[in-house]
Structures are given as structure tokens and as C-alpha cells.
Protein backbone atom coordinates (compact mmCIF):
# COMPACT_ATOMS: atom_id res chain seq x y z
CA MET A 1 -9.73 26.41 55.61
CA SER A 2 -11.56 24.70 52.75
CA VAL A 3 -10.07 21.52 51.35
CA SER A 4 -10.60 22.94 47.82
CA GLU A 5 -7.85 25.42 48.45
CA GLN A 6 -5.18 22.70 48.77
CA SER A 7 -4.47 20.62 45.66
CA PRO A 8 -3.01 17.48 47.38
CA ALA A 9 -5.99 17.40 49.76
CA THR A 10 -8.36 18.01 46.86
CA GLU A 11 -6.96 15.01 44.96
CA ILE A 12 -7.17 12.83 48.05
CA ALA A 13 -10.81 13.87 48.74
CA ALA A 14 -11.79 13.20 45.14
CA GLY A 15 -10.55 9.63 45.46
CA TYR A 16 -13.25 8.97 48.14
CA ALA A 17 -16.15 10.67 46.28
CA PHE A 18 -18.06 7.39 45.63
CA THR A 19 -21.53 7.45 44.08
CA GLY A 20 -22.82 4.13 45.48
CA ALA A 21 -23.44 2.88 49.07
CA ALA A 22 -20.42 3.35 51.34
CA LEU A 23 -19.48 3.35 55.01
CA ASP A 24 -18.34 6.62 56.51
CA LEU A 25 -15.05 6.34 58.39
CA GLY A 26 -14.38 10.03 59.18
CA ALA A 27 -12.93 13.22 57.70
CA LEU A 28 -9.67 14.01 55.97
CA LEU A 29 -6.74 15.33 58.00
CA TRP A 30 -4.31 17.52 56.05
CA ASP A 31 -1.60 19.79 57.40
CA GLY A 32 -2.92 19.40 60.96
CA THR A 33 -6.45 20.42 60.02
CA CYS A 34 -9.59 18.25 59.92
CA HIS A 35 -11.84 18.81 56.86
CA PRO A 36 -15.44 17.72 57.51
CA ASP A 37 -16.30 18.55 53.88
CA ALA A 38 -13.94 15.71 52.76
CA PRO A 39 -15.38 12.44 54.02
CA ILE A 40 -13.31 9.29 53.94
CA ARG A 41 -15.40 6.26 53.03
CA ILE A 42 -15.32 2.55 52.07
CA PRO A 43 -17.59 1.34 49.21
CA LEU A 44 -19.99 -1.29 50.57
CA PRO A 45 -19.41 -3.74 47.67
CA MET A 46 -15.63 -3.69 48.41
CA LEU A 47 -15.98 -5.00 52.00
CA ASN A 48 -15.62 -8.55 50.72
CA ARG A 49 -12.15 -7.68 49.45
CA HIS A 50 -10.89 -8.02 53.01
CA GLY A 51 -9.00 -5.61 55.15
CA LEU A 52 -6.50 -4.85 57.90
CA VAL A 53 -6.93 -2.72 61.05
CA ALA A 54 -3.59 -2.22 62.65
CA GLY A 55 -1.94 0.01 65.25
CA ALA A 56 -0.27 0.12 68.61
CA THR A 57 -2.11 -0.71 71.83
CA GLY A 58 -4.53 2.05 72.91
CA THR A 59 -4.76 3.79 69.55
CA GLY A 60 -8.42 3.01 68.98
CA LYS A 61 -8.54 -0.21 66.92
CA THR A 62 -11.48 -1.67 68.92
CA LYS A 63 -13.54 1.56 68.34
CA THR A 64 -12.78 1.34 64.62
CA LEU A 65 -14.16 -2.21 64.61
CA GLN A 66 -17.25 -0.98 66.38
CA LEU A 67 -17.73 1.91 63.98
CA ILE A 68 -17.50 -0.33 60.92
CA ALA A 69 -19.63 -3.05 62.40
CA GLU A 70 -22.45 -0.59 63.24
CA GLN A 71 -22.63 0.71 59.70
CA LEU A 72 -22.48 -2.79 58.21
CA SER A 73 -25.39 -3.85 60.46
CA ALA A 74 -27.36 -0.71 59.49
CA ASN A 75 -26.92 -1.69 55.80
CA GLY A 76 -28.27 -5.18 56.40
CA VAL A 77 -24.81 -6.95 56.50
CA PRO A 78 -24.31 -9.54 59.29
CA VAL A 79 -21.06 -9.13 61.24
CA PHE A 80 -18.88 -11.40 63.37
CA LEU A 81 -16.71 -9.86 66.10
CA ALA A 82 -14.33 -11.64 68.42
CA ASP A 83 -14.46 -9.85 71.77
CA ILE A 84 -11.06 -10.56 73.30
CA LYS A 85 -11.11 -8.09 76.15
CA GLY A 86 -14.88 -8.11 76.88
CA ASP A 87 -15.51 -4.55 75.82
CA VAL A 88 -17.44 -4.90 72.55
CA SER A 89 -20.74 -6.11 74.02
CA GLY A 90 -21.77 -2.42 74.22
CA ILE A 91 -22.57 -2.47 70.49
CA SER A 92 -25.97 -3.89 71.56
CA ALA A 93 -26.87 -0.77 73.61
CA PRO A 94 -27.22 2.92 72.66
CA GLY A 95 -24.14 5.06 73.32
CA ALA A 96 -23.85 7.73 75.93
CA GLU A 97 -23.65 11.26 74.61
CA GLY A 98 -21.03 13.44 76.21
CA GLU A 99 -18.78 16.36 75.54
CA LYS A 100 -16.08 14.32 73.80
CA VAL A 101 -18.60 12.61 71.54
CA ARG A 102 -20.22 15.96 70.57
CA GLU A 103 -16.76 17.47 69.96
CA ARG A 104 -15.72 14.59 67.71
CA ALA A 105 -19.00 14.60 65.78
CA GLY A 106 -18.61 18.27 65.13
CA GLN A 107 -15.03 17.93 63.92
CA VAL A 108 -15.90 15.29 61.35
CA GLY A 109 -19.34 16.49 60.25
CA GLN A 110 -21.18 13.55 61.86
CA GLU A 111 -24.88 13.66 62.84
CA TRP A 112 -24.46 11.51 65.90
CA ALA A 113 -27.44 9.69 67.44
CA ALA A 114 -27.32 7.03 70.18
CA LYS A 115 -28.23 3.58 68.78
CA GLY A 116 -27.92 -0.03 69.75
CA PHE A 117 -27.67 -2.84 67.21
CA PRO A 118 -29.15 -6.42 67.13
CA CYS A 119 -26.64 -8.81 68.69
CA GLU A 120 -26.15 -12.46 69.57
CA PHE A 121 -23.52 -13.40 72.18
CA TYR A 122 -21.55 -16.63 71.95
CA GLY A 123 -18.97 -18.40 74.15
CA LEU A 124 -16.48 -21.16 73.23
CA GLY A 125 -17.77 -24.43 74.73
CA GLY A 126 -19.94 -22.58 77.17
CA ILE A 127 -17.02 -21.07 79.11
CA GLY A 128 -18.03 -17.63 80.16
CA PRO A 129 -21.18 -15.83 79.06
CA GLY A 130 -22.74 -16.66 75.69
CA ILE A 131 -24.47 -19.41 73.71
CA PRO A 132 -22.06 -22.32 73.60
CA VAL A 133 -20.19 -22.82 70.34
CA ARG A 134 -18.87 -26.37 69.89
CA ALA A 135 -17.27 -28.30 67.05
CA THR A 136 -16.72 -32.02 66.60
CA VAL A 137 -13.15 -33.21 66.41
CA THR A 138 -13.88 -34.60 62.90
CA SER A 139 -15.06 -31.28 61.48
CA PHE A 140 -12.16 -29.46 63.12
CA GLY A 141 -9.80 -31.65 61.19
CA PRO A 142 -6.14 -32.69 61.67
CA VAL A 143 -4.54 -29.53 60.30
CA LEU A 144 -6.30 -27.13 62.65
CA LEU A 145 -6.10 -29.55 65.59
CA SER A 146 -2.36 -29.97 65.06
CA LYS A 147 -2.02 -26.20 65.36
CA VAL A 148 -3.90 -26.00 68.60
CA LEU A 149 -2.02 -29.04 70.03
CA GLN A 150 1.31 -27.58 68.90
CA LEU A 151 2.37 -30.64 66.98
CA ASN A 152 5.31 -30.67 64.55
CA GLN A 153 4.99 -31.73 60.87
CA THR A 154 5.62 -35.44 61.48
CA GLN A 155 3.09 -35.55 64.28
CA GLU A 156 0.59 -33.60 62.18
CA GLN A 157 0.91 -36.21 59.38
CA SER A 158 0.41 -38.98 61.85
CA LEU A 159 -2.73 -37.26 63.18
CA GLY A 160 -4.03 -37.05 59.66
CA LEU A 161 -3.48 -40.88 59.40
CA ILE A 162 -5.47 -41.30 62.60
CA PHE A 163 -8.38 -39.24 61.25
CA HIS A 164 -8.29 -41.25 57.98
CA TYR A 165 -8.48 -44.57 59.88
CA ALA A 166 -11.37 -43.41 62.13
CA ASP A 167 -13.34 -42.12 59.10
CA SER A 168 -12.83 -45.36 57.18
CA LYS A 169 -13.96 -47.48 60.10
CA GLY A 170 -16.97 -45.48 61.08
CA LEU A 171 -15.50 -44.32 64.38
CA GLU A 172 -16.97 -40.89 64.94
CA LEU A 173 -14.54 -38.44 66.47
CA VAL A 174 -16.95 -36.23 68.31
CA ASP A 175 -14.95 -35.16 71.37
CA LEU A 176 -11.40 -35.52 72.65
CA LYS A 177 -11.92 -38.79 74.47
CA ASP A 178 -12.88 -40.28 71.14
CA LEU A 179 -9.60 -39.20 69.57
CA ARG A 180 -7.64 -40.42 72.66
CA ALA A 181 -9.27 -43.83 72.49
CA VAL A 182 -8.50 -44.26 68.75
CA VAL A 183 -4.83 -43.24 69.26
CA ALA A 184 -4.42 -45.70 72.13
CA PHE A 185 -6.08 -48.50 70.17
CA LEU A 186 -3.80 -47.98 67.11
CA VAL A 187 -0.66 -48.59 69.10
CA SER A 188 -2.03 -51.59 71.06
CA ASP A 189 -1.20 -55.12 70.00
CA THR A 190 -4.72 -55.47 68.59
CA GLY A 191 -4.70 -52.15 66.66
CA LYS A 192 -1.14 -52.01 65.27
CA PRO A 193 -1.91 -54.23 62.24
CA GLU A 194 -4.72 -51.83 61.22
CA LEU A 195 -2.29 -49.19 59.88
CA LYS A 196 0.51 -51.52 58.75
CA GLY A 197 -0.33 -51.10 55.00
CA ILE A 198 -0.23 -47.23 55.15
CA GLY A 199 2.79 -46.53 57.26
CA GLY A 200 1.65 -47.28 60.82
CA LEU A 201 1.74 -45.10 63.91
CA SER A 202 4.88 -45.00 66.10
CA THR A 203 4.47 -45.41 69.83
CA VAL A 204 6.57 -42.29 70.38
CA THR A 205 4.44 -40.09 68.17
CA ALA A 206 1.25 -41.53 69.67
CA GLY A 207 2.65 -40.74 73.13
CA VAL A 208 3.23 -37.14 72.16
CA ILE A 209 -0.27 -36.80 70.72
CA LEU A 210 -1.85 -38.37 73.81
CA ARG A 211 0.09 -36.14 76.18
CA SER A 212 -0.85 -33.09 74.11
CA ILE A 213 -4.52 -34.03 74.25
CA THR A 214 -4.30 -34.57 78.01
CA ALA A 215 -2.64 -31.24 78.58
CA PHE A 216 -5.24 -29.56 76.36
CA GLU A 217 -8.03 -31.11 78.41
CA GLN A 218 -6.43 -30.02 81.66
CA GLN A 219 -6.62 -26.47 80.42
CA GLY A 220 -10.39 -26.81 80.29
CA ALA A 221 -10.54 -27.12 76.53
CA GLY A 222 -12.49 -30.41 76.49
CA GLY A 223 -15.84 -28.60 76.44
CA PHE A 224 -15.05 -26.89 73.11
CA PHE A 225 -15.38 -30.20 71.32
CA GLY A 226 -18.65 -32.07 71.21
CA GLU A 227 -22.25 -31.81 70.15
CA PRO A 228 -24.57 -30.21 69.25
CA GLU A 229 -22.08 -28.75 66.71
CA PHE A 230 -22.66 -25.10 66.01
CA ASP A 231 -24.02 -24.24 62.58
CA THR A 232 -22.00 -21.30 61.29
CA ALA A 233 -24.91 -20.29 59.09
CA GLU A 234 -26.31 -18.69 62.26
CA PHE A 235 -23.79 -15.92 61.67
CA LEU A 236 -25.59 -14.97 58.45
CA ARG A 237 -28.91 -13.84 59.97
CA THR A 238 -30.60 -10.46 59.77
CA ALA A 239 -33.01 -8.99 62.34
CA ALA A 240 -36.74 -8.42 61.72
CA ASP A 241 -36.08 -4.80 60.81
CA GLY A 242 -33.56 -5.81 58.11
CA ARG A 243 -30.40 -4.86 60.02
CA GLY A 244 -27.60 -7.37 60.08
CA VAL A 245 -27.16 -9.34 63.30
CA VAL A 246 -23.81 -8.69 65.03
CA SER A 247 -22.46 -11.98 66.41
CA VAL A 248 -20.15 -11.28 69.33
CA LEU A 249 -17.91 -14.17 70.49
CA GLU A 250 -17.14 -13.46 74.15
CA LEU A 251 -13.56 -14.55 74.76
CA PRO A 252 -12.35 -12.93 78.02
CA ALA A 253 -12.67 -16.26 79.95
CA VAL A 254 -10.27 -17.95 77.46
CA GLN A 255 -7.91 -15.11 76.66
CA ASP A 256 -5.13 -17.05 78.32
CA LYS A 257 -5.54 -19.74 75.59
CA PRO A 258 -4.73 -17.64 72.48
CA GLN A 259 -3.88 -20.53 70.21
CA LEU A 260 -7.23 -22.12 70.99
CA PHE A 261 -9.48 -19.23 70.23
CA SER A 262 -7.52 -18.03 67.14
CA THR A 263 -7.60 -21.57 65.71
CA PHE A 264 -11.26 -21.91 66.56
CA LEU A 265 -11.99 -18.69 64.65
CA MET A 266 -10.14 -20.26 61.63
CA TRP A 267 -12.43 -23.27 61.96
CA MET A 268 -15.46 -20.98 61.73
CA LEU A 269 -14.11 -19.39 58.54
CA ALA A 270 -13.25 -22.80 57.00
CA ASP A 271 -16.71 -24.09 57.81
CA LEU A 272 -18.34 -21.12 56.17
CA PHE A 273 -16.13 -21.54 53.17
CA ASN A 274 -17.17 -25.16 52.71
CA ASP A 275 -20.87 -24.43 53.02
CA LEU A 276 -21.48 -21.17 51.14
CA PRO A 277 -22.20 -21.04 47.38
CA GLU A 278 -20.20 -18.90 44.92
CA VAL A 279 -21.75 -15.49 44.50
CA GLY A 280 -19.06 -13.52 42.71
CA ASP A 281 -19.14 -9.80 43.59
CA PRO A 282 -22.44 -9.05 45.33
CA GLU A 283 -23.79 -5.53 45.95
CA LYS A 284 -23.02 -6.03 49.65
CA PRO A 285 -21.22 -8.78 51.57
CA LYS A 286 -23.08 -11.74 53.13
CA LEU A 287 -20.89 -11.45 56.17
CA VAL A 288 -17.90 -9.46 57.37
CA PHE A 289 -15.68 -11.32 59.85
CA PHE A 290 -13.33 -9.40 62.20
CA PHE A 291 -10.32 -11.50 63.33
CA ASP A 292 -8.93 -9.72 66.45
CA GLU A 293 -5.42 -10.38 67.76
CA ALA A 294 -4.62 -11.91 64.35
CA HIS A 295 -0.90 -12.37 65.11
CA LEU A 296 -1.85 -15.25 67.48
CA LEU A 297 -3.15 -17.19 64.55
CA PHE A 298 0.13 -17.15 62.72
CA ASN A 299 2.58 -17.65 65.56
CA GLY A 300 4.34 -21.01 65.16
CA ALA A 301 2.04 -22.00 62.27
CA SER A 302 3.01 -25.01 60.12
CA LYS A 303 3.34 -24.68 56.35
CA ALA A 304 0.22 -26.65 55.86
CA PHE A 305 -1.75 -24.37 58.24
CA LEU A 306 -0.48 -21.18 56.55
CA GLU A 307 -1.46 -22.63 53.10
CA SER A 308 -4.93 -23.37 54.47
CA ILE A 309 -5.36 -19.83 55.74
CA THR A 310 -4.07 -18.26 52.50
CA GLN A 311 -6.40 -20.37 50.36
CA THR A 312 -9.37 -19.62 52.58
CA VAL A 313 -8.78 -15.80 52.46
CA ARG A 314 -8.18 -15.89 48.75
CA LEU A 315 -11.29 -17.86 47.78
CA ILE A 316 -13.90 -16.90 50.33
CA ARG A 317 -14.20 -13.46 48.79
CA SER A 318 -16.14 -14.93 45.91
CA LYS A 319 -18.61 -16.41 48.45
CA GLY A 320 -19.49 -12.95 49.76
CA VAL A 321 -17.47 -13.02 52.95
CA GLY A 322 -15.06 -10.25 53.91
CA ILE A 323 -12.33 -10.75 56.54
CA PHE A 324 -10.68 -7.97 58.53
CA PHE A 325 -7.49 -8.93 60.40
CA VAL A 326 -6.89 -6.82 63.49
CA THR A 327 -3.33 -6.67 64.84
CA GLN A 328 -0.51 -4.34 65.90
CA THR A 329 1.56 -4.15 62.71
CA PRO A 330 1.15 -5.48 59.13
CA LYS A 331 4.26 -7.57 59.57
CA ASP A 332 2.25 -9.78 61.95
CA VAL A 333 0.35 -11.08 58.93
CA PRO A 334 2.23 -13.34 56.38
CA GLY A 335 2.91 -11.66 53.00
CA ASP A 336 0.65 -14.01 51.02
CA VAL A 337 -2.24 -13.12 53.28
CA LEU A 338 -1.49 -9.44 53.48
CA ALA A 339 -1.50 -9.26 49.66
CA GLN A 340 -5.19 -10.25 49.78
CA LEU A 341 -6.19 -7.34 52.05
CA GLY A 342 -7.46 -4.48 49.93
CA ASN A 343 -8.74 -2.13 52.71
CA ARG A 344 -6.34 -0.63 55.26
CA VAL A 345 -6.99 1.33 58.46
CA GLN A 346 -3.64 1.97 60.07
CA HIS A 347 -3.64 3.57 63.53
CA ALA A 348 -0.58 5.10 65.18
CA LEU A 349 2.65 3.21 65.56
CA ARG A 350 5.34 3.73 68.15
CA ALA A 351 9.08 4.12 67.50
CA PHE A 352 10.59 3.89 70.93
CA THR A 353 12.99 1.02 70.13
CA PRO A 354 15.09 -0.12 67.08
CA ASP A 355 12.58 -2.91 66.51
CA ASP A 356 9.73 -0.35 66.60
CA ALA A 357 11.55 1.80 64.04
CA LYS A 358 12.11 -1.22 61.77
CA ALA A 359 8.37 -2.11 61.97
CA LEU A 360 7.44 1.50 61.17
CA LYS A 361 9.58 1.53 58.02
CA ALA A 362 8.17 -1.85 56.95
CA THR A 363 4.66 -0.55 57.45
CA VAL A 364 5.30 2.58 55.39
CA ARG A 365 6.55 0.44 52.49
CA THR A 366 3.19 -1.38 52.32
CA PHE A 367 1.30 1.86 51.37
CA PRO A 368 1.03 3.37 47.97
CA LYS A 369 2.99 6.52 47.18
CA SER A 370 1.58 9.48 49.07
CA PRO A 371 2.13 13.28 49.52
CA TYR A 372 2.27 12.57 53.26
CA ASP A 373 5.45 11.89 55.16
CA LEU A 374 3.97 8.65 56.45
CA GLU A 375 6.70 7.98 59.01
CA GLU A 376 5.96 11.29 60.63
CA VAL A 377 2.21 10.97 60.29
CA LEU A 378 2.00 7.44 61.66
CA THR A 379 3.95 8.33 64.78
CA GLY A 380 1.98 11.56 65.30
CA LEU A 381 -1.61 10.30 64.97
CA GLY A 382 -3.88 10.76 68.01
CA THR A 383 -6.27 8.20 69.46
CA GLY A 384 -9.13 7.68 67.04
CA GLU A 385 -7.09 8.81 64.04
CA ALA A 386 -5.70 6.54 61.26
CA VAL A 387 -4.14 6.40 57.83
CA VAL A 388 -6.61 4.90 55.40
CA THR A 389 -6.47 3.45 51.90
CA VAL A 390 -9.30 1.28 50.49
CA LEU A 391 -10.45 -0.11 47.17
CA SER A 392 -12.53 2.23 45.08
CA GLU A 393 -15.76 1.16 43.32
CA THR A 394 -13.68 0.09 40.36
CA GLY A 395 -11.29 -1.98 42.54
CA ALA A 396 -8.33 0.51 42.38
CA PRO A 397 -6.60 1.66 45.53
CA THR A 398 -7.67 5.04 46.80
CA PRO A 399 -5.14 7.75 47.73
CA VAL A 400 -3.66 7.44 51.22
CA ALA A 401 -5.66 9.63 53.57
CA ALA A 402 -4.93 10.63 57.12
CA THR A 403 -8.32 10.47 58.80
CA ARG A 404 -10.06 11.60 61.97
CA LEU A 405 -12.50 8.77 62.63
CA ARG A 406 -16.13 9.15 63.61
CA ALA A 407 -17.48 8.21 67.02
CA PRO A 408 -19.44 4.94 67.36
CA GLU A 409 -23.15 5.45 68.06
CA SER A 410 -23.41 2.46 70.41
CA LEU A 411 -22.00 2.13 73.91
CA MET A 412 -18.19 2.34 73.91
CA GLY A 413 -17.67 -0.27 76.67
CA PRO A 414 -19.24 -3.45 78.02
CA ILE A 415 -22.90 -3.81 78.99
CA GLU A 416 -23.88 -4.96 82.48
CA ALA A 417 -23.34 -8.63 83.20
CA ALA A 418 -27.07 -9.07 84.05
CA ALA A 419 -28.07 -7.55 80.73
CA LEU A 420 -25.60 -9.82 78.85
CA GLU A 421 -26.95 -12.92 80.59
CA ALA A 422 -30.53 -11.92 79.82
CA ALA A 423 -29.69 -11.36 76.17
CA VAL A 424 -28.06 -14.84 75.99
CA LYS A 425 -30.88 -16.73 77.64
CA GLY A 426 -33.49 -14.84 75.73
CA SER A 427 -32.06 -15.77 72.41
CA PRO A 428 -33.95 -18.37 70.30
CA LEU A 429 -30.63 -20.11 69.76
CA TYR A 430 -30.00 -20.83 73.46
CA GLY A 431 -32.31 -23.84 73.67
CA ARG A 432 -30.76 -25.25 70.54
CA TYR A 433 -27.10 -25.19 71.66
CA ALA A 434 -26.98 -24.78 75.43
CA GLU A 435 -27.23 -28.45 76.47
CA ALA A 436 -24.30 -30.69 75.49
CA VAL A 437 -25.11 -34.17 74.04
CA ASP A 438 -22.81 -37.20 74.40
CA ARG A 439 -23.97 -39.92 71.96
CA GLU A 440 -22.28 -43.17 71.04
CA SER A 441 -19.08 -42.49 69.16
CA ALA A 442 -15.50 -43.91 68.83
CA TYR A 443 -14.83 -44.03 72.62
CA GLU A 444 -18.00 -45.96 73.35
CA LYS A 445 -17.56 -48.28 70.39
CA LEU A 446 -13.92 -49.14 71.23
CA THR A 447 -14.77 -49.50 74.90
CA ALA A 448 -17.54 -51.95 74.06
CA GLU A 449 -15.16 -53.94 71.91
CA GLN A 450 -12.58 -54.13 74.68
CA GLN A 451 -15.21 -55.13 77.24
CA ALA A 452 -16.39 -57.85 74.86
CA ALA A 453 -12.79 -59.08 74.54
CA GLU A 454 -12.43 -59.14 78.30
CA ALA A 455 -15.65 -61.06 78.71
CA ALA A 456 -14.46 -63.56 76.10
CA ALA A 457 -11.20 -64.00 77.97
CA VAL A 458 -13.09 -64.63 81.22
CA ARG A 459 -15.33 -67.20 79.51
CA ALA A 460 -12.34 -68.90 77.87
CA ALA A 461 -10.60 -69.12 81.22
CA GLN A 462 -13.69 -70.46 82.92
CA GLU A 463 -14.24 -73.10 80.15
CA ALA A 464 -10.62 -74.16 80.41
CA GLN A 465 -10.89 -74.50 84.18
CA GLU A 466 -14.07 -76.60 83.91
CA ALA A 467 -12.53 -78.81 81.31
CA GLU A 468 -9.43 -79.26 83.49
CA ALA A 469 -11.60 -80.02 86.54
CA ALA A 470 -13.45 -82.73 84.55
CA LYS A 471 -10.19 -84.50 83.87
CA THR A 472 -8.73 -84.13 87.40
CA PRO A 473 -9.92 -86.37 90.25
CA ALA A 474 -11.78 -84.66 93.05
CA ARG A 475 -9.52 -83.24 95.75
CA ALA A 476 -10.11 -81.74 99.20
CA PRO A 477 -11.24 -78.08 99.01
CA ARG A 478 -8.64 -75.45 99.91
CA LYS A 479 -9.05 -73.56 103.16
CA GLU A 480 -9.96 -70.42 101.30
CA GLU A 481 -11.30 -71.14 97.79
CA GLU A 482 -9.89 -68.85 95.10
CA SER A 483 -12.43 -66.51 93.56
CA LEU A 484 -13.20 -66.68 89.84
CA ALA A 485 -11.54 -63.28 89.34
CA GLU A 486 -8.30 -64.53 91.06
CA GLN A 487 -8.30 -67.60 88.86
CA VAL A 488 -8.76 -65.45 85.73
CA VAL A 489 -5.98 -63.16 86.73
CA GLY A 490 -3.69 -66.16 87.20
CA SER A 491 -4.62 -67.76 83.92
CA GLY A 492 -2.30 -67.80 80.88
CA VAL A 493 -4.97 -66.07 78.71
CA PHE A 494 -5.24 -63.11 81.07
CA LYS A 495 -1.43 -62.85 81.47
CA SER A 496 -1.15 -62.64 77.67
CA LEU A 497 -3.75 -59.91 77.59
CA ALA A 498 -1.97 -58.03 80.36
CA ARG A 499 1.34 -58.20 78.48
CA SER A 500 -0.39 -56.64 75.37
CA ILE A 501 -1.46 -53.67 77.44
CA GLY A 502 1.62 -53.37 79.58
CA THR A 503 3.00 -50.18 78.15
CA GLN A 504 1.94 -46.70 79.15
CA LEU A 505 -0.30 -46.43 76.08
CA GLY A 506 -1.67 -49.89 76.82
CA ARG A 507 -2.67 -48.68 80.25
CA GLU A 508 -4.82 -46.07 78.48
CA ILE A 509 -6.73 -48.97 76.94
CA SER A 510 -6.81 -50.96 80.16
CA ARG A 511 -8.54 -48.07 81.91
CA SER A 512 -11.16 -48.26 79.24
CA ILE A 513 -11.42 -52.07 79.65
CA PHE A 514 -12.08 -51.82 83.40
CA GLY A 515 -14.28 -48.70 83.09
CA THR A 516 -12.18 -46.54 85.51
CA ALA A 517 -12.04 -43.56 83.10
CA ARG A 518 -15.64 -43.71 81.80
CA ARG A 519 -17.51 -40.50 81.97
CA LYS A 520 -20.44 -40.47 84.43
CA ARG A 521 -23.81 -40.26 82.77
């Protein structure tokens, strides 16, 4: 049956008849029939107006990402994808033609051809396959770090004070041992006066921060912070043939650390926001960023963190960057952020429980008025089908359209581990970022100062002993002469020093003084 014979379907199809460059999502579904003569599309210039891909587990969200990423790359737009489950690497290899692919292509009017797309593969801190992506503690900042350390508002403010002090004193916070050293110093007898004029740092709060850092490191997260710091401009590259490079962040090895990778993705966006110039509304985006498992970013987020995300999403559009949040239901995304998302691809939702039914009704309310019974449609969609509404070329919302989506042309699954490793080591970026660098920073500077103080105490004790010996008449040597170290330990100067580092936090400094916690070089 032709779509032209049905007026609601005709009106819907007309809403997607764009004249300029656009990405093809699929074909219109109306009254149980797929209409290949009614393509559902997204205008390319509107991809920087952000979007949401939502739906229950197993409904095809990952394949939708792959479909959109392929077409963006083909149009010369770089793409960033977070590969949570390890099944997106196939975008670099041609797809496998089969009966299901041919059937889907025929249903939606797609001329399917197997294609691979130019890719770079990255890994957080070198864990798992991929070019290592690292950030310095300083560039990560106190707000994002508070989120990943799960600090409360008071602790977050104290961490901001610590960052301020380190910056003002030229103490570079490169990795976590630098931050730990500065925290321990600021609650020592020597360091306490440093913050007295601006509120100080309580021992209890410092203890919480130190324990959080230690627990974070024990999870293997220490390698995410350090140098060389990754330049997020690498995500903006195009291949020699003009196609956009698809940057795939491989996360399966850290999927048990959701707060870490979600917060790290936010750092990437914030870094891009700070570096990119204003471009207004370009003909096509400079980058489209897909934020998978987006609900993990917002769980337990502080007010300051949510404000930071909202501001970034609102303003980064004018810098040519589009963001797609990928999650299960729209309610996973805060309202202020959801309001910025102009393009929607909603896969099927389940209604098995009262909570599911409530989420379904809430999702329906976020769509414009429609001739569809959306509650019925959303629970009846098959895998690879979705309800779509996007921004037209004029910026107005398009009619809601139930859509059967196209099949990706690249491999729908992971590539072989050997092929992934070869792609990583063959990249021109590998030599630039693979080897970690540990230069002099806050830890080394504070350790050197403490060692100098220890040496001065030893010299003072020795000079005091020599002066005392000069005044005292010679006496018979003891059976076993005390060593210099024993004499220093027994001296009043050393006892005073020991008292100043007698607390648990002081012991953190004492380990630095005696070198027992120094990293092997």
C-alpha cells in the first residue's frame, strides 16, 4: 500500500522530505506496514543540536549508534563512541551480508553494501586494548574528581581549596600521588598555617579524601591520571579520503567502574568545550559524541556537577559539537539536560512492572502530539525499530514517526583481538601516548622539602651533640657506642618532629620523609 493513500502517514512523510544533506535512519511504519517510499532522516546541520537514543536492553540501541556513526563518517564528520560492552569495534570492518540483512534492506529501500570505516581505538589509562588516554589531576579538576571519588558537598569544597593552594604554589597535580602528598602536607603541623587565611582544611575531611584516593587507586584507577595527557583535538581528525575518523573508546576492561568512565567522558567533553572556538551553526558538525550508559553519569551527582553538565551541553552546540546520550529511558537524564536534546530515537520500552508502566507514561509525555497511540507503539516495537522525532532544517520538531531502521554496513559485532591490537599499534598516535611519563611534580617537590627538613634536623642534632661534647670532660667509651641514628632518634629535635607527624595523616608524610612509599624508577 502506498503511503500517499493514507493522510496521517502522508503528513508524517512530508515532515522528513528535507532538501539538504541528511542521514537516512530508515522507513516509516504506519498501521503495521513499512513504507520504503517514506524515508525517515535527520538533517546533517541539526546533528549539533544533540540527541537521545533510548530503549530497553536488547532493542537495538547499539546498532542505531553504529548506523548513525557510519553515515556521519561518510559525510566527513568525526565521531566519538564509548564501547561499553566491546561490540562496536566492528565499525572498522566491512559487514557480513546475510539473509536478515538483505531482508531488512529490502523492507526499508536500502542499497546495502559492506563497508568498513576509518577508526582509532583508545583505552582509559592503557587498561585493555587501545591507545592510552590519560588526564592530569589538575586538568580533571575538583568538581569532576569529587564525582568520581564520591565526595559530598563539603568535601568537594575542601578539594577545591586544595586545588587552589597547589595552583598558587606551583605544585603540579599530575597524578594521584601528587594530590595525596598535598592533602597530607596541608594537615601537617608545617602545612596547616598555609590555609589558615582561607578557611583551612579539617583533619577529618582530609582523612576522607585520602581514603577515597587510596580506594580509588586500589581499583586500578591510578593509571588514568598522568602524562602524556591526551589531546582531545585528536578526536576531530578526518582520514585521507575525507571521511571522519571514528574514535572508539574501549571500555570492557573498566565496565565495573561506571562512575570512572562516565566521569572521564565528561572530562573529554569539558576539555573540548574549553579548546574549541565558536562557530555558530555550521553546515555539518565538527564532532558528534555518543555518551553510552548515560544514566551512570547522573547517578548521585552533586548540584555543581549537574550544573557543569547542563552548561556544557547548552553551550558546546555553538562550537560545532553534537552530543547523543544513550540510556534506557528519558527519565534517566535530568530535565534541564533533556530539554537540550532536539533529536530523539526511542526504541521499545517494557511495561512488565508498575515502575515500567510509570516510565512508559513519562516517556510518552516527552513527545509532541501524534496520531499514533504511543503507549501501544512503544511496547510493540520490534528489535531495530524505533519512534523518531528530530529537528527539521528550520529547527522545528518533525512529526513523530514509527520507523524501521536500516542495517549498518559495517560488521555488527567485535573484530578479532589480533586485528584490534594491530590497529592500535599501527596508529601514528601510539608512539605519542603509549609510554607514561613521570616528571617532577607536587609529590617530588614536597618529598624533597621533607627530606631537606630531615637532613637539617640531623645536622642540628649532630651540631648540638658536638657542642655538648666540647663542654663535657672526656669519659670512658661505652661498651657499645650509640650510632648517630640512635642519637638523633633520642634527641629532643627529632622527638618534636615525630610528634608533628604522629597522627595517621602525619604518617603519610613520614613515609615520604623516609622514602618507603616512593615509586621505583
